Amino acid sequence: MLKDSLQNDLDHFNSLRPQVPVDRRSFIAAAIAAGFAASAEPVLAQAVKTPMDGLEGGDLKIGDIPAYYAVKKGSGKRPVVVLIPEIFGLHEYQKDMCRRLAKVGYFAVSSDPFFRSGDLAKVADIKEVLKGANALSDQQAFADLDAVVAWAGKQKGANTGKLAITGHCRGGRTVWMYAAHNKKVDAAVAWYGPTFAEPTSVKPQNPVDVTDKIDRPVLGLYAGADQGIPMTHVERMRAGLHAFGNDKKSQIHVYPDVPHGFHADYRPTYRKEQAEDGWKRMLAWFKKHGVA
């Protein structure tokens, strides 16, 4: 379903520019050069580029895990936001969001969940991207995120006593799952994360299966015209939270008539109005639950 979504994005982009043929090789080269995911073509000029002015941070390794962080320069400990990537891993879009979060006062860190399968941001074939991403087990993902949180807890500019997580697409799914796993999470925002799929040996459960354990406040942001996440799945998630009384803490908001990936400013699915509204909702959610 995600493959179809990406192809639909490209078809839509082509329909908007019939007079200019889209050269796949050129887009892939440009994407890699800019640090964006090659398979999520095309990269548009609208992609947000946040400067490092007033910030410190950059690429690093947490054990063997490739990571990136950003925080405002100066003394004092900042609330921590862990950003969980899409299936394309730790590419420029994720890093820019770390800088955006740092600009508003957070210690933001993101890691590459899929590094054991290689750098998926540089893989042009979406089938290979999915194969690499799907090889990651939830338990390994949880262990890696635990390591990232532990690393942040040792940094002089970070306060993991105020801990939030957020993520998009596959990362949004992981947000729901990790919120059930780590009770130290104070607030979470899942952007169009799949809530249901056929169980596998490495992902035996889905977010809908752990609604009894999601007692952390999670805000789910979903797209009404998402071709990969039907509204029936979103409503099942909402019903599961309600069944265990966890809808008193968590909420789901749906943006009608927008596609999957509406926050991904480097892709044709980007919808500026809804993306900016979702970002404001996320920051307000963090603040409401003490991560500010």
Foldseek 3Di string as FASTA:
>chain_A
DVVVVLVVLVVVVCVVCVVDDDDLVVQLVVCVVQFAQSQSDRFDPQFDDADCVQKDWAWDQLPNWIKTKIAGDDAAAAEEEEEEEALQFDTDSQNRVRRVVRVVTHTYMYIGQQPVLPRSSNDRDVVSSCVSSVVAALVSSLVVVVSVLVVQVPDRHHDLCQYEYEYAACRLFNQLVNLLVDVSHQEYEREAYAQDDPADPRRNHGSLVRLLSNLHEYEYEEECAEPVHHVVRVVSNVVSVVVNVSVVRYYYDYDYPAYGPCLRSRTSSHDPVVNVVVVVVRVVRSVVRPND
